[in-house]
Amino acid sequence: MASEKTQVEIGFDGGQVIPVRLDADQVKALRKALGSGDSPHEIETDEGSLLIDLGKVIFVRISSGAKTIGF
């Protein structure tokens, strides 16, 4: 069974936002990389490999995973 993936948005200086779906280990590795500043950071996604210049990252939004219906 595939592991549950979390919706993550990575925002960059200049306004670009990249949405990706990551498993828990990838989210943990991204958080650790952001703290260390080691760049570039590589993320494997279903669509392919993503190399991120951590010096350009302004924010990372990690979905809470809570599902809601309605307004």
PDB file of N, CA and C in Angstrom:
ATOM      1  N   MET A   1       0.844  -1.183   0.000  1.00  0.00           N
ATOM      2  CA  MET A   1       0.000   0.000   0.000  1.00  0.00           C
ATOM      3  C   MET A   1       0.890   1.248   0.000  1.00  0.00           C
ATOM      4  N   ALA A   2       0.560   2.208  -0.837  1.00  0.00           N
ATOM      5  CA  ALA A   2       1.335   3.442  -0.932  1.00  0.00           C
ATOM      6  C   ALA A   2       1.111   4.297   0.315  1.00  0.00           C
ATOM      7  N   SER A   3       2.170   5.000   0.710  1.00  0.00           N
ATOM      8  CA  SER A   3       2.048   5.862   1.884  1.00  0.00           C
ATOM      9  C   SER A   3       1.219   7.090   1.535  1.00  0.00           C
ATOM     10  N   GLU A   4       0.558   7.621   2.542  1.00  0.00           N
ATOM     11  CA  GLU A   4      -0.266   8.821   2.368  1.00  0.00           C
ATOM     12  C   GLU A   4       0.620  10.004   2.051  1.00  0.00           C
ATOM     13  N   LYS A   5       0.189  10.811   1.106  1.00  0.00           N
ATOM     14  CA  LYS A   5       0.972  11.985   0.714  1.00  0.00           C
ATOM     15  C   LYS A   5       0.286  13.251   1.207  1.00  0.00           C
ATOM     16  N   THR A   6       1.106  14.256   1.514  1.00  0.00           N
ATOM     17  CA  THR A   6       0.641  15.527   2.033  1.00  0.00           C
ATOM     18  C   THR A   6       0.841  16.595   0.976  1.00  0.00           C
ATOM     19  N   GLN A   7      -0.133  17.476   0.828  1.00  0.00           N
ATOM     20  CA  GLN A   7      -0.018  18.595  -0.109  1.00  0.00           C
ATOM     21  C   GLN A   7       0.906  19.650   0.498  1.00  0.00           C
ATOM     22  N   VAL A   8       1.948  20.015  -0.250  1.00  0.00           N
ATOM     23  CA  VAL A   8       2.927  21.004   0.190  1.00  0.00           C
ATOM     24  C   VAL A   8       3.068  22.051  -0.908  1.00  0.00           C
ATOM     25  N   GLU A   9       3.078  23.317  -0.531  1.00  0.00           N
ATOM     26  CA  GLU A   9       3.325  24.404  -1.476  1.00  0.00           C
ATOM     27  C   GLU A   9       4.632  25.074  -1.081  1.00  0.00           C
ATOM     28  N   ILE A  10       5.521  25.231  -2.057  1.00  0.00           N
ATOM     29  CA  ILE A  10       6.818  25.868  -1.825  1.00  0.00           C
ATOM     30  C   ILE A  10       6.813  27.194  -2.567  1.00  0.00           C
ATOM     31  N   GLY A  11       6.947  28.304  -1.804  1.00  0.00           N
ATOM     32  CA  GLY A  11       6.911  29.647  -2.376  1.00  0.00           C
ATOM     33  C   GLY A  11       8.307  30.234  -2.487  1.00  0.00           C
ATOM     34  N   PHE A  12       8.556  30.888  -3.618  1.00  0.00           N
ATOM     35  CA  PHE A  12       9.879  31.430  -3.904  1.00  0.00           C
ATOM     36  C   PHE A  12       9.859  32.945  -4.006  1.00  0.00           C
ATOM     37  N   ASP A  13      11.041  33.536  -3.774  1.00  0.00           N
ATOM     38  CA  ASP A  13      11.253  34.960  -3.978  1.00  0.00           C
ATOM     39  C   ASP A  13      10.863  35.279  -5.423  1.00  0.00           C
ATOM     40  N   GLY A  14       9.997  36.245  -5.609  1.00  0.00           N
ATOM     41  CA  GLY A  14       9.511  36.581  -6.936  1.00  0.00           C
ATOM     42  C   GLY A  14       8.073  36.141  -7.165  1.00  0.00           C
ATOM     43  N   GLY A  15       7.534  35.311  -6.261  1.00  0.00           N
ATOM     44  CA  GLY A  15       6.117  34.988  -6.320  1.00  0.00           C
ATOM     45  C   GLY A  15       5.741  33.617  -6.836  1.00  0.00           C
ATOM     46  N   GLN A  16       6.658  32.854  -7.419  1.00  0.00           N
ATOM     47  CA  GLN A  16       6.301  31.542  -7.936  1.00  0.00           C
ATOM     48  C   GLN A  16       6.040  30.577  -6.780  1.00  0.00           C
ATOM     49  N   VAL A  17       4.993  29.760  -6.932  1.00  0.00           N
ATOM     50  CA  VAL A  17       4.650  28.737  -5.944  1.00  0.00           C
ATOM     51  C   VAL A  17       4.561  27.398  -6.667  1.00  0.00           C
ATOM     52  N   ILE A  18       5.230  26.402  -6.117  1.00  0.00           N
ATOM     53  CA  ILE A  18       5.191  25.063  -6.695  1.00  0.00           C
ATOM     54  C   ILE A  18       4.451  24.142  -5.733  1.00  0.00           C
ATOM     55  N   PRO A  19       3.314  23.578  -6.179  1.00  0.00           N
ATOM     56  CA  PRO A  19       2.612  22.605  -5.336  1.00  0.00           C
ATOM     57  C   PRO A  19       3.147  21.194  -5.609  1.00  0.00           C
ATOM     58  N   VAL A  20       3.384  20.434  -4.549  1.00  0.00           N
ATOM     59  CA  VAL A  20       3.830  19.047  -4.672  1.00  0.00           C
ATOM     60  C   VAL A  20       3.141  18.202  -3.616  1.00  0.00           C
ATOM     61  N   ARG A  21       3.076  16.908  -3.861  1.00  0.00           N
ATOM     62  CA  ARG A  21       2.555  15.969  -2.883  1.00  0.00           C
ATOM     63  C   ARG A  21       3.720  15.117  -2.409  1.00  0.00           C
ATOM     64  N   LEU A  22       3.972  15.151  -1.092  1.00  0.00           N
ATOM     65  CA  LEU A  22       5.122  14.472  -0.514  1.00  0.00           C
ATOM     66  C   LEU A  22       4.697  13.515   0.583  1.00  0.00           C
ATOM     67  N   ASP A  23       5.467  12.433   0.735  1.00  0.00           N
ATOM     68  CA  ASP A  23       5.184  11.537   1.863  1.00  0.00           C
ATOM     69  C   ASP A  23       5.852  12.112   3.116  1.00  0.00           C
ATOM     70  N   ALA A  24       5.581  11.501   4.249  1.00  0.00           N
ATOM     71  CA  ALA A  24       6.039  12.041   5.538  1.00  0.00           C
ATOM     72  C   ALA A  24       7.561  12.155   5.610  1.00  0.00           C
ATOM     73  N   ASP A  25       8.287  11.179   5.055  1.00  0.00           N
ATOM     74  CA  ASP A  25       9.750  11.229   5.083  1.00  0.00           C
ATOM     75  C   ASP A  25      10.281  12.392   4.245  1.00  0.00           C
ATOM     76  N   GLN A  26       9.640  12.661   3.118  1.00  0.00           N
ATOM     77  CA  GLN A  26      10.062  13.773   2.269  1.00  0.00           C
ATOM     78  C   GLN A  26       9.799  15.116   2.938  1.00  0.00           C
ATOM     79  N   VAL A  27       8.666  15.236   3.626  1.00  0.00           N
ATOM     80  CA  VAL A  27       8.358  16.476   4.349  1.00  0.00           C
ATOM     81  C   VAL A  27       9.401  16.699   5.439  1.00  0.00           C
ATOM     82  N   LYS A  28       9.739  15.641   6.165  1.00  0.00           N
ATOM     83  CA  LYS A  28      10.746  15.744   7.227  1.00  0.00           C
ATOM     84  C   LYS A  28      12.105  16.146   6.648  1.00  0.00           C
ATOM     85  N   ALA A  29      12.488  15.563   5.514  1.00  0.00           N
ATOM     86  CA  ALA A  29      13.773  15.891   4.881  1.00  0.00           C
ATOM     87  C   ALA A  29      13.783  17.341   4.395  1.00  0.00           C
ATOM     88  N   LEU A  30      12.654  17.825   3.861  1.00  0.00           N
ATOM     89  CA  LEU A  30      12.568  19.214   3.406  1.00  0.00           C
ATOM     90  C   LEU A  30      12.719  20.168   4.588  1.00  0.00           C
ATOM     91  N   ARG A  31      12.039  19.881   5.691  1.00  0.00           N
ATOM     92  CA  ARG A  31      12.168  20.727   6.886  1.00  0.00           C
ATOM     93  C   ARG A  31      13.607  20.773   7.385  1.00  0.00           C
ATOM     94  N   LYS A  32      14.265  19.622   7.402  1.00  0.00           N
ATOM     95  CA  LYS A  32      15.649  19.550   7.855  1.00  0.00           C
ATOM     96  C   LYS A  32      16.564  20.343   6.915  1.00  0.00           C
ATOM     97  N   ALA A  33      16.344  20.220   5.612  1.00  0.00           N
ATOM     98  CA  ALA A  33      17.163  20.932   4.627  1.00  0.00           C
ATOM     99  C   ALA A  33      16.973  22.437   4.758  1.00  0.00           C
ATOM    100  N   LEU A  34      15.739  22.875   5.007  1.00  0.00           N
ATOM    101  CA  LEU A  34      15.484  24.311   5.177  1.00  0.00           C
ATOM    102  C   LEU A  34      16.253  24.855   6.378  1.00  0.00           C
ATOM    103  N   GLY A  35      16.335  24.086   7.433  1.00  0.00           N
ATOM    104  CA  GLY A  35      17.051  24.508   8.630  1.00  0.00           C
ATOM    105  C   GLY A  35      18.551  24.543   8.442  1.00  0.00           C
ATOM    106  N   SER A  36      19.070  23.650   7.602  1.00  0.00           N
ATOM    107  CA  SER A  36      20.519  23.572   7.409  1.00  0.00           C
ATOM    108  C   SER A  36      21.014  24.521   6.326  1.00  0.00           C
ATOM    109  N   GLY A  37      20.146  24.843   5.379  1.00  0.00           N
ATOM    110  CA  GLY A  37      20.541  25.732   4.286  1.00  0.00           C
ATOM    111  C   GLY A  37      21.330  25.040   3.197  1.00  0.00           C
ATOM    112  N   ASP A  38      21.462  23.703   3.271  1.00  0.00           N
ATOM    113  CA  ASP A  38      22.175  22.966   2.227  1.00  0.00           C
ATOM    114  C   ASP A  38      21.390  23.036   0.923  1.00  0.00           C
ATOM    115  N   SER A  39      22.018  23.604  -0.083  1.00  0.00           N
ATOM    116  CA  SER A  39      21.318  23.835  -1.339  1.00  0.00           C
ATOM    117  C   SER A  39      22.182  23.362  -2.492  1.00  0.00           C
ATOM    118  N   PRO A  40      21.612  22.829  -3.548  1.00  0.00           N
ATOM    119  CA  PRO A  40      20.188  22.630  -3.764  1.00  0.00           C
ATOM    120  C   PRO A  40      19.687  21.384  -3.030  1.00  0.00           C
ATOM    121  N   HIS A  41      18.377  21.354  -2.816  1.00  0.00           N
ATOM    122  CA  HIS A  41      17.724  20.211  -2.177  1.00  0.00           C
ATOM    123  C   HIS A  41      16.915  19.495  -3.254  1.00  0.00           C
ATOM    124  N   GLU A  42      17.047  18.178  -3.317  1.00  0.00           N
ATOM    125  CA  GLU A  42      16.344  17.399  -4.334  1.00  0.00           C
ATOM    126  C   GLU A  42      15.150  16.683  -3.729  1.00  0.00           C
ATOM    127  N   ILE A  43      14.019  16.775  -4.425  1.00  0.00           N
ATOM    128  CA  ILE A  43      12.791  16.094  -4.022  1.00  0.00           C
ATOM    129  C   ILE A  43      12.334  15.231  -5.189  1.00  0.00           C
ATOM    130  N   GLU A  44      12.039  13.959  -4.914  1.00  0.00           N
ATOM    131  CA  GLU A  44      11.477  13.078  -5.931  1.00  0.00           C
ATOM    132  C   GLU A  44       9.956  13.138  -5.836  1.00  0.00           C
ATOM    133  N   THR A  45       9.315  13.524  -6.929  1.00  0.00           N
ATOM    134  CA  THR A  45       7.852  13.576  -6.984  1.00  0.00           C
ATOM    135  C   THR A  45       7.357  12.550  -7.992  1.00  0.00           C
ATOM    136  N   ASP A  46       6.047  12.369  -8.061  1.00  0.00           N
ATOM    137  CA  ASP A  46       5.465  11.460  -9.046  1.00  0.00           C
ATOM    138  C   ASP A  46       5.752  11.937 -10.470  1.00  0.00           C
ATOM    139  N   GLU A  47       5.930  13.253 -10.630  1.00  0.00           N
ATOM    140  CA  GLU A  47       6.168  13.833 -11.946  1.00  0.00           C
ATOM    141  C   GLU A  47       7.649  13.843 -12.322  1.00  0.00           C
ATOM    142  N   GLY A  48       8.543  13.636 -11.356  1.00  0.00           N
ATOM    143  CA  GLY A  48       9.976  13.648 -11.619  1.00  0.00           C
ATOM    144  C   GLY A  48      10.746  14.271 -10.482  1.00  0.00           C
ATOM    145  N   SER A  49      11.995  14.582 -10.749  1.00  0.00           N
ATOM    146  CA  SER A  49      12.884  15.138  -9.735  1.00  0.00           C
ATOM    147  C   SER A  49      12.790  16.656  -9.724  1.00  0.00           C
ATOM    148  N   LEU A  50      12.811  17.235  -8.536  1.00  0.00           N
ATOM    149  CA  LEU A  50      12.716  18.682  -8.357  1.00  0.00           C
ATOM    150  C   LEU A  50      13.917  19.137  -7.531  1.00  0.00           C
ATOM    151  N   LEU A  51      14.733  20.027  -8.111  1.00  0.00           N
ATOM    152  CA  LEU A  51      15.867  20.605  -7.394  1.00  0.00           C
ATOM    153  C   LEU A  51      15.483  22.004  -6.946  1.00  0.00           C
ATOM    154  N   ILE A  52      15.644  22.276  -5.658  1.00  0.00           N
ATOM    155  CA  ILE A  52      15.203  23.547  -5.089  1.00  0.00           C
ATOM    156  C   ILE A  52      16.399  24.319  -4.540  1.00  0.00           C
ATOM    157  N   ASP A  53      16.524  25.590  -4.938  1.00  0.00           N
ATOM    158  CA  ASP A  53      17.517  26.493  -4.367  1.00  0.00           C
ATOM    159  C   ASP A  53      16.918  27.037  -3.069  1.00  0.00           C
ATOM    160  N   LEU A  54      17.363  26.509  -1.944  1.00  0.00           N
ATOM    161  CA  LEU A  54      16.773  26.868  -0.654  1.00  0.00           C
ATOM    162  C   LEU A  54      16.966  28.333  -0.301  1.00  0.00           C
ATOM    163  N   GLY A  55      17.937  28.979  -0.901  1.00  0.00           N
ATOM    164  CA  GLY A  55      18.157  30.399  -0.661  1.00  0.00           C
ATOM    165  C   GLY A  55      17.069  31.281  -1.237  1.00  0.00           C
ATOM    166  N   LYS A  56      16.270  30.736  -2.144  1.00  0.00           N
ATOM    167  CA  LYS A  56      15.187  31.488  -2.784  1.00  0.00           C
ATOM    168  C   LYS A  56      13.815  31.166  -2.193  1.00  0.00           C
ATOM    169  N   VAL A  57      13.757  30.204  -1.271  1.00  0.00           N
ATOM    170  CA  VAL A  57      12.481  29.799  -0.681  1.00  0.00           C
ATOM    171  C   VAL A  57      12.041  30.839   0.346  1.00  0.00           C
ATOM    172  N   ILE A  58      10.812  31.330   0.176  1.00  0.00           N
ATOM    173  CA  ILE A  58      10.233  32.314   1.095  1.00  0.00           C
ATOM    174  C   ILE A  58       9.317  31.631   2.112  1.00  0.00           C
ATOM    175  N   PHE A  59       8.548  30.638   1.649  1.00  0.00           N
ATOM    176  CA  PHE A  59       7.668  29.918   2.572  1.00  0.00           C
ATOM    177  C   PHE A  59       7.444  28.497   2.091  1.00  0.00           C
ATOM    178  N   VAL A  60       7.038  27.645   3.040  1.00  0.00           N
ATOM    179  CA  VAL A  60       6.589  26.287   2.749  1.00  0.00           C
ATOM    180  C   VAL A  60       5.288  26.100   3.510  1.00  0.00           C
ATOM    181  N   ARG A  61       4.215  25.818   2.769  1.00  0.00           N
ATOM    182  CA  ARG A  61       2.907  25.584   3.403  1.00  0.00           C
ATOM    183  C   ARG A  61       2.641  24.089   3.334  1.00  0.00           C
ATOM    184  N   ILE A  62       2.441  23.474   4.511  1.00  0.00           N
ATOM    185  CA  ILE A  62       2.174  22.054   4.612  1.00  0.00           C
ATOM    186  C   ILE A  62       0.734  21.881   5.032  1.00  0.00           C
ATOM    187  N   SER A  63      -0.026  21.174   4.216  1.00  0.00           N
ATOM    188  CA  SER A  63      -1.444  20.961   4.490  1.00  0.00           C
ATOM    189  C   SER A  63      -1.628  20.244   5.820  1.00  0.00           C
ATOM    190  N   SER A  64      -2.675  20.626   6.532  1.00  0.00           N
ATOM    191  CA  SER A  64      -2.963  19.975   7.808  1.00  0.00           C
ATOM    192  C   SER A  64      -3.540  18.584   7.601  1.00  0.00           C
ATOM    193  N   GLY A  65      -4.003  18.314   6.394  1.00  0.00           N
ATOM    194  CA  GLY A  65      -4.564  17.008   6.111  1.00  0.00           C
ATOM    195  C   GLY A  65      -6.030  16.885   6.492  1.00  0.00           C
ATOM    196  N   ALA A  66      -6.564  17.913   7.159  1.00  0.00           N
ATOM    197  CA  ALA A  66      -7.974  17.869   7.557  1.00  0.00           C
ATOM    198  C   ALA A  66      -8.863  18.024   6.328  1.00  0.00           C
ATOM    199  N   LYS A  67      -9.781  17.109   6.194  1.00  0.00           N
ATOM    200  CA  LYS A  67     -10.709  17.151   5.074  1.00  0.00           C
ATOM    201  C   LYS A  67     -12.012  17.804   5.522  1.00  0.00           C
ATOM    202  N   THR A  68     -12.480  18.763   4.736  1.00  0.00           N
ATOM    203  CA  THR A  68     -13.745  19.427   5.068  1.00  0.00           C
ATOM    204  C   THR A  68     -14.675  19.360   3.874  1.00  0.00           C
ATOM    205  N   ILE A  69     -15.943  19.439   4.154  1.00  0.00           N
ATOM    206  CA  ILE A  69     -16.967  19.440   3.106  1.00  0.00           C
ATOM    207  C   ILE A  69     -17.815  20.668   3.324  1.00  0.00           C
ATOM    208  N   GLY A  70     -18.133  21.338   2.230  1.00  0.00           N
ATOM    209  CA  GLY A  70     -19.016  22.511   2.339  1.00  0.00           C
ATOM    210  C   GLY A  70     -18.244  23.798   2.357  1.00  0.00           C
ATOM    211  N   PHE A  71     -18.827  24.781   3.014  1.00  0.00           N
ATOM    212  CA  PHE A  71     -18.286  26.134   2.974  1.00  0.00           C
ATOM    213  C   PHE A  71     -17.326  26.369   4.092  1.00  0.00           C
TER     214      PHE A  71
END
